[in-house]
Amino acid sequence: CIRDRAIGDVVGKAGCEFLRSKLPQIKKDYDIDLVIANGENSAEGNGITPHSANFLFSSGVDVITTGNHAFRRKEIYNYLSDNEYILRPANYPEGSTPGKGVCKIDMLKRNVIIVNLLGTIYMESLDNPLEKIDEILKHVSENDIVIVDFHAETTSEKRAMGFYLDGKVSAVFGTHTHVMTADESILKNGTGYITDVGMTGPINSVLGIKPEIIIKKLKEKMPVKFEYGEGACKMECVLFDIDLHTRKTVGIKRLIIT
């Protein structure tokens, strides 16, 4: 088996530092072969920068995925194009968009293909993610393990993607909402699935932001400056055990590390 670990959206400096403090031991304890983390909120002030990306890589992350905040910081544009192991959603326009949405990891016995997609319900008006993944899979060997980070707003779009890809890919995990769902499962044709992996960052927060700031925004309806929460952190993640021969998920487990 290959044991893959998907880590929920890493939020700010606190989330990055907490990941660094926990990940090496967790990789050892669970014998993890590959770590994928969503890093689009890893920079202070939102987005991702070369500094926060390098911090995640040096902490033990193998592949960084992103989402709708991928391009919030202009300093990441060249980095997205130069580093093959950081992804932006594949359904952004090709040619005019920095970076790429697919990467390949050589695991010796198998190649692992990681795909990053963005949902379109209440999100950006991009290429249809269902059609985009079909296009991508045409160029993937039937011997490859394929893992998809679907960064989307609604549970319905994520669930639909999971069922659509059941049997076509090894695993699908959702990101973006920063709230871990309790529906981890192996679908009937062998694809591991969870609607949302959750978040890595401050526990006493609203999706990583200080609660009082979000409450003020909701009550007064006026613009506010977001500030990341403080104090104790958590790391929410999912372990996928993927059979090397069948390329199906044979085990799935949610973890919340505090």
Protein backbone atom coordinates (compact mmCIF):
# COMPACT_ATOMS: atom_id res chain seq x y z
CA CYS A 1 0.00 0.00 0.00
CA ILE A 2 0.84 3.65 -0.33
CA ARG A 3 -0.28 5.67 2.68
CA ASP A 4 -1.20 9.21 1.66
CA ARG A 5 -1.98 11.96 4.09
CA ALA A 6 -4.16 14.92 3.08
CA ILE A 7 -3.98 17.95 5.36
CA GLY A 8 -6.75 20.55 5.56
CA ASP A 9 -6.19 24.22 4.70
CA VAL A 10 -3.13 25.48 6.59
CA VAL A 11 -3.96 28.92 8.03
CA GLY A 12 -1.32 31.56 8.66
CA LYS A 13 1.93 31.47 10.58
CA ALA A 14 0.36 29.64 13.52
CA GLY A 15 -0.95 26.87 11.28
CA CYS A 16 2.39 26.52 9.50
CA GLU A 17 4.34 26.33 12.75
CA PHE A 18 1.91 23.84 14.27
CA LEU A 19 2.21 21.64 11.19
CA ARG A 20 6.01 21.76 11.46
CA SER A 21 5.87 20.80 15.13
CA LYS A 22 3.66 17.75 14.52
CA LEU A 23 4.21 16.42 11.01
CA PRO A 24 7.60 14.66 11.35
CA GLN A 25 6.42 12.50 14.25
CA ILE A 26 3.08 11.76 12.63
CA LYS A 27 4.81 10.64 9.42
CA LYS A 28 6.89 8.27 11.51
CA ASP A 29 4.03 7.00 13.69
CA TYR A 30 1.71 6.27 10.76
CA ASP A 31 4.38 5.26 8.22
CA ILE A 32 3.21 7.89 5.73
CA ASP A 33 4.63 7.83 2.20
CA LEU A 34 3.18 11.02 0.74
CA VAL A 35 1.87 14.26 2.29
CA ILE A 36 -0.44 16.66 0.45
CA ALA A 37 -1.42 19.94 2.15
CA ASN A 38 -3.67 22.75 0.98
CA GLY A 39 -1.59 25.90 1.49
CA GLU A 40 -3.61 28.68 -0.09
CA ASN A 41 -4.10 30.42 3.28
CA SER A 42 -0.61 29.76 4.64
CA ALA A 43 0.74 33.30 4.31
CA GLU A 44 0.07 35.98 6.88
CA GLY A 45 -2.70 38.16 5.49
CA ASN A 46 -4.14 35.36 3.32
CA GLY A 47 -2.94 33.68 0.15
CA ILE A 48 0.35 31.86 -0.28
CA THR A 49 3.86 33.26 -0.77
CA PRO A 50 7.19 31.66 -1.69
CA HIS A 51 8.14 31.96 1.99
CA SER A 52 5.09 30.11 3.31
CA ALA A 53 5.34 27.50 0.53
CA ASN A 54 9.01 26.85 1.31
CA PHE A 55 8.12 26.59 5.00
CA LEU A 56 5.57 23.86 4.26
CA PHE A 57 7.92 21.95 1.98
CA SER A 58 10.74 22.09 4.52
CA SER A 59 8.30 20.86 7.20
CA GLY A 60 7.69 17.61 5.33
CA VAL A 61 4.91 18.40 2.85
CA ASP A 62 5.47 16.77 -0.56
CA VAL A 63 2.78 18.53 -2.61
CA ILE A 64 0.96 21.81 -1.95
CA THR A 65 -2.49 22.36 -3.41
CA THR A 66 -4.40 25.65 -3.44
CA GLY A 67 -7.77 27.05 -4.50
CA ASN A 68 -9.53 30.36 -5.03
CA HIS A 69 -6.82 32.29 -3.12
CA ALA A 70 -3.98 30.85 -5.22
CA PHE A 71 -3.30 34.17 -6.95
CA ARG A 72 -4.02 36.61 -4.12
CA ARG A 73 -0.30 37.34 -3.69
CA LYS A 74 1.55 38.33 -6.88
CA GLU A 75 4.89 37.22 -5.50
CA ILE A 76 3.76 33.59 -5.85
CA TYR A 77 3.17 33.76 -9.61
CA ASN A 78 6.68 32.81 -10.77
CA TYR A 79 6.98 30.25 -7.98
CA LEU A 80 3.83 28.51 -9.20
CA SER A 81 5.38 28.15 -12.64
CA ASP A 82 8.86 27.16 -11.42
CA ASN A 83 8.02 24.56 -8.74
CA GLU A 84 6.31 21.45 -10.08
CA TYR A 85 5.04 20.35 -6.66
CA ILE A 86 2.81 23.34 -5.93
CA LEU A 87 -0.52 23.35 -7.76
CA ARG A 88 -3.25 25.81 -8.63
CA PRO A 89 -6.66 24.54 -9.76
CA ALA A 90 -6.40 22.88 -13.16
CA ASN A 91 -9.62 24.43 -14.46
CA TYR A 92 -8.18 27.96 -14.58
CA PRO A 93 -7.45 29.05 -18.18
CA GLU A 94 -4.33 27.46 -19.63
CA GLY A 95 -1.71 29.75 -21.13
CA SER A 96 -2.70 32.94 -19.30
CA THR A 97 -2.63 31.49 -15.77
CA PRO A 98 0.61 30.93 -13.81
CA GLY A 99 1.40 27.40 -12.72
CA LYS A 100 -0.31 24.08 -13.41
CA GLY A 101 -3.01 21.94 -11.87
CA VAL A 102 -1.46 18.47 -12.09
CA CYS A 103 1.81 16.96 -10.89
CA LYS A 104 3.39 13.51 -10.83
CA ILE A 105 5.29 11.87 -7.97
CA ASP A 106 7.49 8.86 -8.74
CA MET A 107 6.88 6.40 -5.89
CA LEU A 108 9.12 3.76 -7.54
CA LYS A 109 6.44 1.07 -7.77
CA ARG A 110 3.78 3.47 -9.05
CA ASN A 111 3.43 7.06 -10.20
CA VAL A 112 1.06 9.15 -8.12
CA ILE A 113 -0.80 11.89 -9.99
CA ILE A 114 -2.16 14.74 -7.86
CA VAL A 115 -4.89 16.91 -9.39
CA ASN A 116 -6.17 20.22 -7.99
CA LEU A 117 -9.63 21.42 -9.08
CA LEU A 118 -11.87 24.36 -8.11
CA GLY A 119 -15.63 24.13 -7.73
CA THR A 120 -17.81 26.59 -9.62
CA ILE A 121 -20.89 26.87 -7.36
CA TYR A 122 -20.58 30.19 -5.46
CA MET A 123 -16.96 30.34 -6.63
CA GLU A 124 -15.05 31.48 -9.72
CA SER A 125 -16.65 31.06 -13.15
CA LEU A 126 -14.12 28.57 -14.48
CA ASP A 127 -14.11 25.57 -16.78
CA ASN A 128 -16.48 22.85 -15.64
CA PRO A 129 -14.45 20.73 -13.17
CA LEU A 130 -16.17 17.51 -14.28
CA GLU A 131 -15.17 18.11 -17.88
CA LYS A 132 -11.67 19.18 -16.84
CA ILE A 133 -10.98 16.02 -14.86
CA ASP A 134 -12.22 13.94 -17.81
CA GLU A 135 -9.70 15.73 -20.02
CA ILE A 136 -6.88 15.16 -17.50
CA LEU A 137 -7.65 11.47 -17.06
CA LYS A 138 -7.33 10.89 -20.82
CA HIS A 139 -3.61 11.55 -20.43
CA VAL A 140 -3.08 9.45 -17.29
CA SER A 141 -1.82 5.88 -17.45
CA GLU A 142 -4.16 3.21 -16.14
CA ASN A 143 -1.29 2.13 -13.90
CA ASP A 144 -1.11 5.50 -12.11
CA ILE A 145 -2.61 6.30 -8.72
CA VAL A 146 -4.67 9.50 -8.99
CA ILE A 147 -5.57 11.70 -6.00
CA VAL A 148 -7.80 14.77 -6.35
CA ASP A 149 -8.10 17.85 -4.11
CA PHE A 150 -11.47 19.39 -4.98
CA HIS A 151 -11.53 22.90 -3.52
CA ALA A 152 -15.22 23.77 -3.49
CA GLU A 153 -17.87 25.63 -1.51
CA THR A 154 -20.89 23.33 -1.48
CA THR A 155 -21.16 19.84 -0.10
CA SER A 156 -23.41 18.86 -3.01
CA GLU A 157 -20.79 19.70 -5.63
CA LYS A 158 -18.13 17.82 -3.68
CA ARG A 159 -20.31 14.77 -3.15
CA ALA A 160 -21.25 14.73 -6.83
CA MET A 161 -17.57 14.86 -7.80
CA GLY A 162 -16.81 11.97 -5.47
CA PHE A 163 -19.45 9.74 -7.05
CA TYR A 164 -18.49 10.89 -10.55
CA LEU A 165 -14.88 9.83 -9.97
CA ASP A 166 -15.65 6.62 -8.09
CA GLY A 167 -13.59 3.91 -9.73
CA LYS A 168 -11.78 6.41 -11.97
CA VAL A 169 -9.34 7.73 -9.35
CA SER A 170 -7.92 6.42 -6.08
CA ALA A 171 -9.04 9.20 -3.73
CA VAL A 172 -10.97 12.48 -3.66
CA PHE A 173 -10.79 14.90 -0.76
CA GLY A 174 -12.51 18.26 -0.41
CA THR A 175 -10.99 21.48 0.91
CA HIS A 176 -12.04 25.14 1.32
CA THR A 177 -14.67 25.22 4.09
CA HIS A 178 -12.14 24.69 6.92
CA VAL A 179 -14.64 22.44 8.72
CA MET A 180 -13.92 18.71 8.78
CA THR A 181 -16.81 16.50 7.72
CA ALA A 182 -17.57 13.09 9.22
CA ASP A 183 -18.38 11.29 5.97
CA GLU A 184 -15.07 9.62 5.17
CA SER A 185 -15.81 6.49 3.17
CA ILE A 186 -14.68 4.10 0.49
CA LEU A 187 -17.18 4.39 -2.34
CA LYS A 188 -18.54 1.26 -3.97
CA ASN A 189 -15.96 1.18 -6.79
CA GLY A 190 -13.00 1.72 -4.47
CA THR A 191 -12.41 5.47 -4.39
CA GLY A 192 -11.61 6.96 -0.98
CA TYR A 193 -13.67 10.06 -0.27
CA ILE A 194 -14.28 12.84 2.27
CA THR A 195 -16.26 16.03 1.66
CA ASP A 196 -13.85 18.29 3.56
CA VAL A 197 -10.55 17.58 5.29
CA GLY A 198 -10.87 20.59 7.59
CA MET A 199 -8.23 23.08 8.74
CA THR A 200 -4.81 23.40 10.32
CA GLY A 201 -4.74 26.46 12.53
CA PRO A 202 -6.18 28.14 15.65
CA ILE A 203 -8.93 26.18 17.41
CA ASN A 204 -10.69 29.22 18.91
CA SER A 205 -11.41 30.88 15.59
CA VAL A 206 -13.97 31.15 12.82
CA LEU A 207 -12.26 29.35 9.95
CA GLY A 208 -8.94 30.64 11.31
CA ILE A 209 -10.06 34.25 11.89
CA LYS A 210 -10.60 35.87 15.31
CA PRO A 211 -14.27 35.27 16.23
CA GLU A 212 -14.95 38.85 17.29
CA ILE A 213 -13.98 40.11 13.83
CA ILE A 214 -16.36 37.74 12.05
CA ILE A 215 -19.15 38.54 14.52
CA LYS A 216 -18.64 42.27 13.91
CA LYS A 217 -18.79 41.69 10.16
CA LEU A 218 -22.00 39.66 10.45
CA LYS A 219 -23.71 42.19 12.73
CA GLU A 220 -22.65 45.47 11.17
CA LYS A 221 -22.26 44.41 7.51
CA MET A 222 -19.27 46.73 7.13
CA PRO A 223 -15.79 45.85 5.82
CA VAL A 224 -13.38 44.55 8.42
CA LYS A 225 -9.71 43.62 8.43
CA PHE A 226 -9.29 39.91 9.01
CA GLU A 227 -6.80 38.84 11.67
CA TYR A 228 -5.89 35.23 12.36
CA GLY A 229 -6.91 33.69 15.65
CA GLU A 230 -4.45 32.99 18.44
CA GLY A 231 -3.78 30.26 20.98
CA ALA A 232 -3.89 26.49 20.72
CA CYS A 233 -3.99 24.95 17.24
CA LYS A 234 -5.19 21.74 15.64
CA MET A 235 -4.31 19.83 12.51
CA GLU A 236 -7.15 18.06 10.70
CA CYS A 237 -6.20 15.46 8.12
CA VAL A 238 -7.18 12.20 6.46
CA LEU A 239 -5.11 9.07 5.86
CA PHE A 240 -5.75 7.09 2.68
CA ASP A 241 -4.34 3.58 2.34
CA ILE A 242 -4.15 2.85 -1.39
CA ASP A 243 -3.46 -0.63 -2.74
CA LEU A 244 -0.54 -0.59 -5.18
CA HIS A 245 -1.98 -3.30 -7.42
CA THR A 246 -5.63 -2.27 -7.67
CA ARG A 247 -5.01 1.47 -7.08
CA LYS A 248 -8.14 1.46 -4.91
CA THR A 249 -8.44 2.87 -1.41
CA VAL A 250 -8.52 0.04 1.11
CA GLY A 251 -8.47 2.14 4.28
CA ILE A 252 -9.42 5.67 5.29
CA LYS A 253 -9.07 7.40 8.65
CA ARG A 254 -9.72 10.94 9.93
CA LEU A 255 -7.24 12.43 12.36
CA ILE A 256 -7.46 15.55 14.52
CA ILE A 257 -4.10 16.42 16.07
CA THR A 258 -3.95 18.92 18.95
